[in-house]
PDB file of N, CA and C in Angstrom:
ATOM      1  N   UNK A   1      -4.615  24.737  10.304  1.00  0.00           N
ATOM      2  CA  UNK A   1      -5.302  23.614  10.522  1.00  0.00           C
ATOM      3  C   UNK A   1      -4.736  22.261   9.517  1.00  0.00           C
ATOM      4  N   UNK A   2      -4.672  21.202   9.647  1.00  0.00           N
ATOM      5  CA  UNK A   2      -3.665  20.061   9.368  1.00  0.00           C
ATOM      6  C   UNK A   2      -5.147  18.802   9.192  1.00  0.00           C
ATOM      7  N   UNK A   3      -5.281  17.971   8.052  1.00  0.00           N
ATOM      8  CA  UNK A   3      -5.942  16.938   8.279  1.00  0.00           C
ATOM      9  C   UNK A   3      -5.698  15.349   7.447  1.00  0.00           C
ATOM     10  N   UNK A   4      -5.283  14.871   8.176  1.00  0.00           N
ATOM     11  CA  UNK A   4      -4.795  13.546   7.621  1.00  0.00           C
ATOM     12  C   UNK A   4      -4.988  12.439   7.468  1.00  0.00           C
ATOM     13  N   UNK A   5      -5.624  11.330   6.405  1.00  0.00           N
ATOM     14  CA  UNK A   5      -6.174  10.183   6.330  1.00  0.00           C
ATOM     15  C   UNK A   5      -5.669   9.584   5.675  1.00  0.00           C
ATOM     16  N   UNK A   6      -5.914   7.792   6.252  1.00  0.00           N
ATOM     17  CA  UNK A   6      -5.038   6.738   5.915  1.00  0.00           C
ATOM     18  C   UNK A   6      -6.109   5.406   5.953  1.00  0.00           C
ATOM     19  N   UNK A   7      -5.812   4.862   4.934  1.00  0.00           N
ATOM     20  CA  UNK A   7      -6.697   3.493   4.466  1.00  0.00           C
ATOM     21  C   UNK A   7      -5.835   2.536   4.396  1.00  0.00           C
ATOM     22  N   UNK A   8      -6.584   1.874   4.859  1.00  0.00           N
ATOM     23  CA  UNK A   8      -5.521   0.378   4.588  1.00  0.00           C
ATOM     24  C   UNK A   8      -6.441  -0.812   3.699  1.00  0.00           C
ATOM     25  N   UNK A   9      -5.569  -1.142   3.252  1.00  0.00           N
ATOM     26  CA  UNK A   9      -6.272  -2.722   2.412  1.00  0.00           C
ATOM     27  C   UNK A   9      -5.561  -3.342   3.054  1.00  0.00           C
ATOM     28  N   UNK A  10      -6.684  -4.625   3.405  1.00  0.00           N
ATOM     29  CA  UNK A  10      -6.193  -5.844   4.327  1.00  0.00           C
ATOM     30  C   UNK A  10      -6.526  -7.052   3.841  1.00  0.00           C
ATOM     31  N   UNK A  11      -6.166  -7.952   3.883  1.00  0.00           N
ATOM     32  CA  UNK A  11      -5.875  -9.462   3.540  1.00  0.00           C
ATOM     33  C   UNK A  11      -6.191 -10.207   4.857  1.00  0.00           C
ATOM     34  N   UNK A  12      -7.448 -10.930   5.661  1.00  0.00           N
ATOM     35  CA  UNK A  12      -7.738 -11.077   6.987  1.00  0.00           C
ATOM     36  C   UNK A  12      -7.132 -12.355   6.284  1.00  0.00           C
ATOM     37  N   UNK A  13      -6.433 -13.957   7.743  1.00  0.00           N
ATOM     38  CA  UNK A  13      -6.561 -14.651   7.572  1.00  0.00           C
ATOM     39  C   UNK A  13      -7.199 -15.642   7.434  1.00  0.00           C
ATOM     40  N   UNK A  14      -7.046 -16.486   8.186  1.00  0.00           N
ATOM     41  CA  UNK A  14      -8.331 -17.763   7.848  1.00  0.00           C
ATOM     42  C   UNK A  14      -9.304 -17.139   8.773  1.00  0.00           C
ATOM     43  N   UNK A  15     -10.199 -16.900   7.987  1.00  0.00           N
ATOM     44  CA  UNK A  15     -12.004 -16.184   7.837  1.00  0.00           C
ATOM     45  C   UNK A  15     -12.882 -16.992   6.855  1.00  0.00           C
ATOM     46  N   UNK A  16     -14.291 -17.573   7.886  1.00  0.00           N
ATOM     47  CA  UNK A  16     -15.029 -17.980   7.077  1.00  0.00           C
ATOM     48  C   UNK A  16     -16.299 -17.529   6.973  1.00  0.00           C
ATOM     49  N   UNK A  17     -16.191 -16.515   7.545  1.00  0.00           N
ATOM     50  CA  UNK A  17     -17.757 -15.805   7.538  1.00  0.00           C
ATOM     51  C   UNK A  17     -17.268 -14.026   7.702  1.00  0.00           C
ATOM     52  N   UNK A  18     -18.913 -13.725   7.414  1.00  0.00           N
ATOM     53  CA  UNK A  18     -18.642 -12.035   7.973  1.00  0.00           C
ATOM     54  C   UNK A  18     -18.741 -12.038   9.821  1.00  0.00           C
ATOM     55  N   UNK A  19     -19.166 -13.053  10.289  1.00  0.00           N
ATOM     56  CA  UNK A  19     -19.146 -13.005  11.577  1.00  0.00           C
ATOM     57  C   UNK A  19     -17.629 -13.116  12.271  1.00  0.00           C
ATOM     58  N   UNK A  20     -16.823 -13.727  12.074  1.00  0.00           N
ATOM     59  CA  UNK A  20     -15.009 -13.796  12.281  1.00  0.00           C
ATOM     60  C   UNK A  20     -14.415 -12.543  11.726  1.00  0.00           C
ATOM     61  N   UNK A  21     -14.716 -11.958  10.204  1.00  0.00           N
ATOM     62  CA  UNK A  21     -14.290 -10.668  10.334  1.00  0.00           C
ATOM     63  C   UNK A  21     -14.799  -9.337  10.984  1.00  0.00           C
ATOM     64  N   UNK A  22     -15.854  -9.737  11.294  1.00  0.00           N
ATOM     65  CA  UNK A  22     -15.806  -8.327  12.098  1.00  0.00           C
ATOM     66  C   UNK A  22     -15.304  -9.419  13.723  1.00  0.00           C
ATOM     67  N   UNK A  23     -14.792 -10.702  14.078  1.00  0.00           N
ATOM     68  CA  UNK A  23     -13.482 -10.229  14.994  1.00  0.00           C
ATOM     69  C   UNK A  23     -12.609 -10.195  15.185  1.00  0.00           C
ATOM     70  N   UNK A  24     -12.393 -10.296  13.759  1.00  0.00           N
ATOM     71  CA  UNK A  24     -10.430  -9.533  13.824  1.00  0.00           C
ATOM     72  C   UNK A  24     -10.902  -7.884  12.858  1.00  0.00           C
ATOM     73  N   UNK A  25     -11.839  -7.639  12.715  1.00  0.00           N
ATOM     74  CA  UNK A  25     -11.613  -5.987  12.324  1.00  0.00           C
ATOM     75  C   UNK A  25     -12.032  -5.173  13.328  1.00  0.00           C
ATOM     76  N   UNK A  26     -13.106  -5.311  14.101  1.00  0.00           N
ATOM     77  CA  UNK A  26     -13.215  -4.125  15.228  1.00  0.00           C
ATOM     78  C   UNK A  26     -12.274  -4.371  16.305  1.00  0.00           C
ATOM     79  N   UNK A  27     -11.815  -5.321  16.869  1.00  0.00           N
ATOM     80  CA  UNK A  27     -10.521  -5.091  17.859  1.00  0.00           C
ATOM     81  C   UNK A  27      -9.730  -3.609  17.240  1.00  0.00           C
ATOM     82  N   UNK A  28      -9.210  -3.966  15.672  1.00  0.00           N
ATOM     83  CA  UNK A  28      -8.461  -2.546  14.890  1.00  0.00           C
ATOM     84  C   UNK A  28      -8.622  -1.410  15.094  1.00  0.00           C
ATOM     85  N   UNK A  29     -10.364  -1.287  14.556  1.00  0.00           N
ATOM     86  CA  UNK A  29     -10.750   0.105  14.991  1.00  0.00           C
ATOM     87  C   UNK A  29     -10.845   0.539  16.159  1.00  0.00           C
ATOM     88  N   UNK A  30     -10.626   0.110  17.020  1.00  0.00           N
ATOM     89  CA  UNK A  30     -10.849   0.527  18.497  1.00  0.00           C
ATOM     90  C   UNK A  30      -9.534   0.626  19.047  1.00  0.00           C
ATOM     91  N   UNK A  31      -9.073  -0.100  18.648  1.00  0.00           N
ATOM     92  CA  UNK A  31      -7.426   0.061  19.291  1.00  0.00           C
ATOM     93  C   UNK A  31      -6.672   1.648  18.962  1.00  0.00           C
ATOM     94  N   UNK A  32      -7.105   1.579  17.246  1.00  0.00           N
ATOM     95  CA  UNK A  32      -6.862   2.641  16.673  1.00  0.00           C
ATOM     96  C   UNK A  32      -7.421   4.353  17.718  1.00  0.00           C
ATOM     97  N   UNK A  33      -8.848   4.141  17.736  1.00  0.00           N
ATOM     98  CA  UNK A  33      -9.955   5.131  18.372  1.00  0.00           C
ATOM     99  C   UNK A  33      -9.121   4.869  19.486  1.00  0.00           C
ATOM    100  N   UNK A  34      -8.885   4.250  20.367  1.00  0.00           N
ATOM    101  CA  UNK A  34      -8.749   4.189  21.813  1.00  0.00           C
ATOM    102  C   UNK A  34      -6.945   4.830  22.129  1.00  0.00           C
ATOM    103  N   UNK A  35      -6.525   3.927  21.258  1.00  0.00           N
ATOM    104  CA  UNK A  35      -4.520   4.744  21.436  1.00  0.00           C
ATOM    105  C   UNK A  35      -4.285   6.595  20.636  1.00  0.00           C
ATOM    106  N   UNK A  36      -5.214   5.942  19.621  1.00  0.00           N
ATOM    107  CA  UNK A  36      -4.561   7.466  18.861  1.00  0.00           C
ATOM    108  C   UNK A  36      -5.693   9.026  18.886  1.00  0.00           C
ATOM    109  N   UNK A  37      -6.544   8.506  19.488  1.00  0.00           N
ATOM    110  CA  UNK A  37      -8.109   9.464  19.420  1.00  0.00           C
ATOM    111  C   UNK A  37      -8.658   9.688  17.821  1.00  0.00           C
ATOM    112  N   UNK A  38      -8.306   8.387  16.819  1.00  0.00           N
ATOM    113  CA  UNK A  38      -9.111   9.126  15.582  1.00  0.00           C
ATOM    114  C   UNK A  38     -10.071   8.609  15.354  1.00  0.00           C
ATOM    115  N   UNK A  39     -10.815   9.093  14.630  1.00  0.00           N
ATOM    116  CA  UNK A  39     -11.759   8.279  13.707  1.00  0.00           C
ATOM    117  C   UNK A  39     -11.429   7.440  12.721  1.00  0.00           C
ATOM    118  N   UNK A  40     -12.147   6.017  13.001  1.00  0.00           N
ATOM    119  CA  UNK A  40     -11.715   4.748  12.381  1.00  0.00           C
ATOM    120  C   UNK A  40     -12.777   4.096  12.254  1.00  0.00           C
ATOM    121  N   UNK A  41     -13.183   3.682  10.600  1.00  0.00           N
ATOM    122  CA  UNK A  41     -14.299   2.688  10.945  1.00  0.00           C
ATOM    123  C   UNK A  41     -13.712   1.370   9.346  1.00  0.00           C
ATOM    124  N   UNK A  42     -14.712   0.390   9.258  1.00  0.00           N
ATOM    125  CA  UNK A  42     -14.272  -0.328   8.199  1.00  0.00           C
ATOM    126  C   UNK A  42     -15.340   0.263   6.876  1.00  0.00           C
ATOM    127  N   UNK A  43     -14.365   0.620   5.819  1.00  0.00           N
ATOM    128  CA  UNK A  43     -15.025   1.598   4.508  1.00  0.00           C
ATOM    129  C   UNK A  43     -15.257   0.854   3.803  1.00  0.00           C
ATOM    130  N   UNK A  44     -15.119  -0.511   3.145  1.00  0.00           N
ATOM    131  CA  UNK A  44     -15.094  -1.157   1.828  1.00  0.00           C
ATOM    132  C   UNK A  44     -14.977  -2.807   1.857  1.00  0.00           C
ATOM    133  N   UNK A  45     -14.941  -3.180   0.915  1.00  0.00           N
ATOM    134  CA  UNK A  45     -15.124  -4.891   1.257  1.00  0.00           C
ATOM    135  C   UNK A  45     -16.014  -5.176   1.838  1.00  0.00           C
ATOM    136  N   UNK A  46     -17.192  -4.683   2.643  1.00  0.00           N
ATOM    137  CA  UNK A  46     -17.842  -5.148   3.460  1.00  0.00           C
ATOM    138  C   UNK A  46     -18.536  -6.677   3.629  1.00  0.00           C
ATOM    139  N   UNK A  47     -18.903  -7.377   2.150  1.00  0.00           N
ATOM    140  CA  UNK A  47     -19.354  -8.403   1.971  1.00  0.00           C
ATOM    141  C   UNK A  47     -18.430  -9.324   1.611  1.00  0.00           C
ATOM    142  N   UNK A  48     -17.138  -9.144   1.878  1.00  0.00           N
ATOM    143  CA  UNK A  48     -16.176 -10.546   1.378  1.00  0.00           C
ATOM    144  C   UNK A  48     -15.458 -10.397   2.912  1.00  0.00           C
ATOM    145  N   UNK A  49     -15.202 -11.827   2.968  1.00  0.00           N
ATOM    146  CA  UNK A  49     -15.260 -12.477   4.369  1.00  0.00           C
ATOM    147  C   UNK A  49     -12.958 -12.376   4.586  1.00  0.00           C
ATOM    148  N   UNK A  50     -12.932 -12.514   3.343  1.00  0.00           N
ATOM    149  CA  UNK A  50     -11.255 -11.888   3.896  1.00  0.00           C
ATOM    150  C   UNK A  50     -10.447 -10.964   3.648  1.00  0.00           C
ATOM    151  N   UNK A  51     -11.615 -10.203   3.216  1.00  0.00           N
ATOM    152  CA  UNK A  51     -11.073  -8.313   2.777  1.00  0.00           C
ATOM    153  C   UNK A  51     -11.961  -7.692   3.597  1.00  0.00           C
ATOM    154  N   UNK A  52     -10.181  -6.222   3.936  1.00  0.00           N
ATOM    155  CA  UNK A  52     -10.890  -5.460   4.754  1.00  0.00           C
ATOM    156  C   UNK A  52     -10.805  -4.085   4.120  1.00  0.00           C
ATOM    157  N   UNK A  53     -11.162  -2.830   4.152  1.00  0.00           N
ATOM    158  CA  UNK A  53     -10.507  -1.670   4.080  1.00  0.00           C
ATOM    159  C   UNK A  53     -10.575  -0.584   5.378  1.00  0.00           C
ATOM    160  N   UNK A  54      -9.833  -0.192   6.265  1.00  0.00           N
ATOM    161  CA  UNK A  54     -10.328   0.537   7.468  1.00  0.00           C
ATOM    162  C   UNK A  54      -9.674   1.950   7.149  1.00  0.00           C
ATOM    163  N   UNK A  55     -10.165   2.589   6.840  1.00  0.00           N
ATOM    164  CA  UNK A  55     -10.535   3.797   6.843  1.00  0.00           C
ATOM    165  C   UNK A  55     -10.055   4.867   8.477  1.00  0.00           C
ATOM    166  N   UNK A  56      -9.105   5.984   8.229  1.00  0.00           N
ATOM    167  CA  UNK A  56      -9.164   6.696   9.414  1.00  0.00           C
ATOM    168  C   UNK A  56      -8.463   8.887   9.274  1.00  0.00           C
ATOM    169  N   UNK A  57      -9.424   9.483  10.170  1.00  0.00           N
ATOM    170  CA  UNK A  57      -8.919  10.049   9.678  1.00  0.00           C
ATOM    171  C   UNK A  57      -9.041  11.036  10.957  1.00  0.00           C
ATOM    172  N   UNK A  58      -7.896  12.354  10.787  1.00  0.00           N
ATOM    173  CA  UNK A  58      -7.545  12.700  11.994  1.00  0.00           C
ATOM    174  C   UNK A  58      -7.372  14.253  12.101  1.00  0.00           C
ATOM    175  N   UNK A  59      -7.423  15.738  12.365  1.00  0.00           N
ATOM    176  CA  UNK A  59      -7.453  16.744  12.940  1.00  0.00           C
ATOM    177  C   UNK A  59      -6.443  17.727  13.594  1.00  0.00           C
ATOM    178  N   UNK A  60      -5.752  18.297  13.481  1.00  0.00           N
ATOM    179  CA  UNK A  60      -4.323  18.694  14.437  1.00  0.00           C
ATOM    180  C   UNK A  60      -4.126  19.967  13.406  1.00  0.00           C
ATOM    181  N   UNK A  61      -3.838  20.801  14.578  1.00  0.00           N
ATOM    182  CA  UNK A  61      -3.169  22.087  14.223  1.00  0.00           C
ATOM    183  C   UNK A  61      -1.644  22.205  13.908  1.00  0.00           C
ATOM    184  N   UNK A  62      -0.941  20.745  14.357  1.00  0.00           N
ATOM    185  CA  UNK A  62       0.581  20.747  14.199  1.00  0.00           C
ATOM    186  C   UNK A  62       0.703  19.664  13.399  1.00  0.00           C
ATOM    187  N   UNK A  63       1.476  19.631  11.987  1.00  0.00           N
ATOM    188  CA  UNK A  63       1.397  19.137  11.131  1.00  0.00           C
ATOM    189  C   UNK A  63       2.487  18.325  11.272  1.00  0.00           C
ATOM    190  N   UNK A  64       4.086  18.552  12.297  1.00  0.00           N
ATOM    191  CA  UNK A  64       4.563  16.991  12.683  1.00  0.00           C
ATOM    192  C   UNK A  64       3.950  15.979  13.449  1.00  0.00           C
ATOM    193  N   UNK A  65       2.692  16.813  14.470  1.00  0.00           N
ATOM    194  CA  UNK A  65       2.004  15.547  15.300  1.00  0.00           C
ATOM    195  C   UNK A  65       1.064  14.822  14.412  1.00  0.00           C
ATOM    196  N   UNK A  66       0.785  15.587  13.530  1.00  0.00           N
ATOM    197  CA  UNK A  66      -0.462  14.664  12.929  1.00  0.00           C
ATOM    198  C   UNK A  66       0.960  13.706  11.752  1.00  0.00           C
ATOM    199  N   UNK A  67       1.284  13.941  11.282  1.00  0.00           N
ATOM    200  CA  UNK A  67       2.374  13.186  10.714  1.00  0.00           C
ATOM    201  C   UNK A  67       2.781  11.579  11.990  1.00  0.00           C
ATOM    202  N   UNK A  68       2.985  11.867  13.164  1.00  0.00           N
ATOM    203  CA  UNK A  68       4.036  11.209  13.832  1.00  0.00           C
ATOM    204  C   UNK A  68       2.903  10.378  14.254  1.00  0.00           C
ATOM    205  N   UNK A  69       1.623  10.554  14.532  1.00  0.00           N
ATOM    206  CA  UNK A  69       0.181   9.741  14.775  1.00  0.00           C
ATOM    207  C   UNK A  69      -0.255   9.043  13.470  1.00  0.00           C
ATOM    208  N   UNK A  70      -0.009   9.575  12.476  1.00  0.00           N
ATOM    209  CA  UNK A  70       0.111   8.526  11.328  1.00  0.00           C
ATOM    210  C   UNK A  70       0.597   7.563  11.159  1.00  0.00           C
ATOM    211  N   UNK A  71       1.869   8.049  11.525  1.00  0.00           N
ATOM    212  CA  UNK A  71       2.796   6.843  11.207  1.00  0.00           C
ATOM    213  C   UNK A  71       2.897   5.584  12.795  1.00  0.00           C
ATOM    214  N   UNK A  72       2.738   6.177  13.480  1.00  0.00           N
ATOM    215  CA  UNK A  72       2.249   4.999  14.275  1.00  0.00           C
ATOM    216  C   UNK A  72       0.846   4.433  14.451  1.00  0.00           C
ATOM    217  N   UNK A  73       0.047   5.133  13.977  1.00  0.00           N
ATOM    218  CA  UNK A  73      -1.046   4.021  13.112  1.00  0.00           C
ATOM    219  C   UNK A  73      -1.097   2.861  12.171  1.00  0.00           C
ATOM    220  N   UNK A  74      -0.570   3.270  11.223  1.00  0.00           N
ATOM    221  CA  UNK A  74       0.540   2.741  10.313  1.00  0.00           C
ATOM    222  C   UNK A  74       1.077   1.296  10.709  1.00  0.00           C
ATOM    223  N   UNK A  75       2.231   2.033  11.713  1.00  0.00           N
ATOM    224  CA  UNK A  75       2.658   0.593  12.486  1.00  0.00           C
ATOM    225  C   UNK A  75       1.823   0.067  12.861  1.00  0.00           C
ATOM    226  N   UNK A  76       0.985   0.413  14.086  1.00  0.00           N
ATOM    227  CA  UNK A  76      -0.098  -0.485  14.886  1.00  0.00           C
ATOM    228  C   UNK A  76      -0.112  -1.600  13.993  1.00  0.00           C
ATOM    229  N   UNK A  77      -1.365  -1.573  12.686  1.00  0.00           N
ATOM    230  CA  UNK A  77      -1.952  -1.894  11.719  1.00  0.00           C
ATOM    231  C   UNK A  77      -0.699  -3.109  11.359  1.00  0.00           C
ATOM    232  N   UNK A  78      -0.139  -2.664  10.423  1.00  0.00           N
ATOM    233  CA  UNK A  78       0.802  -3.558   9.646  1.00  0.00           C
ATOM    234  C   UNK A  78       1.669  -4.722  11.101  1.00  0.00           C
ATOM    235  N   UNK A  79       1.655  -4.217  12.188  1.00  0.00           N
ATOM    236  CA  UNK A  79       2.218  -5.178  13.445  1.00  0.00           C
ATOM    237  C   UNK A  79       1.110  -6.142  13.769  1.00  0.00           C
ATOM    238  N   UNK A  80      -0.157  -6.589  13.626  1.00  0.00           N
ATOM    239  CA  UNK A  80      -1.015  -6.889  13.652  1.00  0.00           C
ATOM    240  C   UNK A  80      -1.171  -8.668  12.812  1.00  0.00           C
ATOM    241  N   UNK A  81      -0.544  -9.468  13.393  1.00  0.00           N
ATOM    242  CA  UNK A  81      -0.028 -10.561  13.049  1.00  0.00           C
ATOM    243  C   UNK A  81      -1.754 -11.606  12.049  1.00  0.00           C
ATOM    244  N   UNK A  82      -2.647 -10.693  13.155  1.00  0.00           N
ATOM    245  CA  UNK A  82      -3.889 -11.593  12.239  1.00  0.00           C
ATOM    246  C   UNK A  82      -4.175 -11.208  10.543  1.00  0.00           C
ATOM    247  N   UNK A  83      -3.588 -10.436  10.107  1.00  0.00           N
ATOM    248  CA  UNK A  83      -3.940  -9.691   8.667  1.00  0.00           C
ATOM    249  C   UNK A  83      -2.907  -9.434   8.283  1.00  0.00           C
ATOM    250  N   UNK A  84      -3.169  -9.297   6.832  1.00  0.00           N
ATOM    251  CA  UNK A  84      -2.088  -8.933   6.482  1.00  0.00           C
ATOM    252  C   UNK A  84      -1.745  -7.512   5.353  1.00  0.00           C
ATOM    253  N   UNK A  85      -1.184  -6.678   5.707  1.00  0.00           N
ATOM    254  CA  UNK A  85      -1.363  -5.131   5.123  1.00  0.00           C
ATOM    255  C   UNK A  85      -0.554  -5.037   3.998  1.00  0.00           C
ATOM    256  N   UNK A  86      -1.726  -5.071   2.510  1.00  0.00           N
ATOM    257  CA  UNK A  86      -1.914  -4.915   0.779  1.00  0.00           C
ATOM    258  C   UNK A  86      -1.341  -3.784   0.747  1.00  0.00           C
ATOM    259  N   UNK A  87      -2.303  -2.985   1.202  1.00  0.00           N
ATOM    260  CA  UNK A  87      -1.206  -1.036   0.810  1.00  0.00           C
ATOM    261  C   UNK A  87      -1.996   0.086   1.755  1.00  0.00           C
ATOM    262  N   UNK A  88      -0.883   0.935   1.473  1.00  0.00           N
ATOM    263  CA  UNK A  88      -1.717   1.959   2.879  1.00  0.00           C
ATOM    264  C   UNK A  88      -1.730   3.131   1.847  1.00  0.00           C
ATOM    265  N   UNK A  89      -2.674   3.949   1.661  1.00  0.00           N
ATOM    266  CA  UNK A  89      -2.996   4.969   1.044  1.00  0.00           C
ATOM    267  C   UNK A  89      -2.874   6.319   2.363  1.00  0.00           C
ATOM    268  N   UNK A  90      -2.252   7.407   2.106  1.00  0.00           N
ATOM    269  CA  UNK A  90      -2.232   8.551   3.107  1.00  0.00           C
ATOM    270  C   UNK A  90      -1.929   9.692   2.141  1.00  0.00           C
ATOM    271  N   UNK A  91      -3.344  10.365   2.944  1.00  0.00           N
ATOM    272  CA  UNK A  91      -3.086  11.691   2.347  1.00  0.00           C
ATOM    273  C   UNK A  91      -3.259  12.840   3.457  1.00  0.00           C
ATOM    274  N   UNK A  92      -2.961  14.606   2.787  1.00  0.00           N
ATOM    275  CA  UNK A  92      -2.069  15.020   3.901  1.00  0.00           C
ATOM    276  C   UNK A  92      -2.995  16.412   3.498  1.00  0.00           C
ATOM    277  N   UNK A  93      -3.813  16.833   3.690  1.00  0.00           N
ATOM    278  CA  UNK A  93      -4.117  18.332   4.016  1.00  0.00           C
ATOM    279  C   UNK A  93      -3.710  19.465   4.885  1.00  0.00           C
ATOM    280  N   UNK A  94      -3.388  20.732   4.124  1.00  0.00           N
ATOM    281  CA  UNK A  94      -2.323  21.790   4.493  1.00  0.00           C
ATOM    282  C   UNK A  94      -3.491  22.524   4.561  1.00  0.00           C
ATOM    283  N   UNK A  95      -3.057  24.101   5.377  1.00  0.00           N
ATOM    284  CA  UNK A  95      -3.760  25.032   5.777  1.00  0.00           C
ATOM    285  C   UNK A  95      -3.548  25.538   4.055  1.00  0.00           C
ATOM    286  N   UNK A  96      -2.134  25.127   2.868  1.00  0.00           N
ATOM    287  CA  UNK A  96      -2.517  25.983   1.667  1.00  0.00           C
ATOM    288  C   UNK A  96      -3.599  25.064   0.228  1.00  0.00           C
ATOM    289  N   UNK A  97      -4.240  24.010   1.159  1.00  0.00           N
ATOM    290  CA  UNK A  97      -4.661  23.423   0.176  1.00  0.00           C
ATOM    291  C   UNK A  97      -6.311  24.272  -0.095  1.00  0.00           C
TER     292      UNK A  97
END
């Protein structure tokens, strides 16, 4: 069994309220969940208008498949024009951990 996690630190565009922030972050989280069957949520900077951290996790029996899905998730978030990806933190836990 392999477990992979990603943490995306995002700078949001022209966002002036928490309501506007939700309208940017929620579709990203929903698309990650829908397209890649990962667990995803906003996990930090809840009280800041222009910053967000999205965390996601996935479990797989195949390390190559897990790496492929995490790479696709990273490309999806990096390609969103309404956010600037400041950093990505990736963790991978295998059977030897």
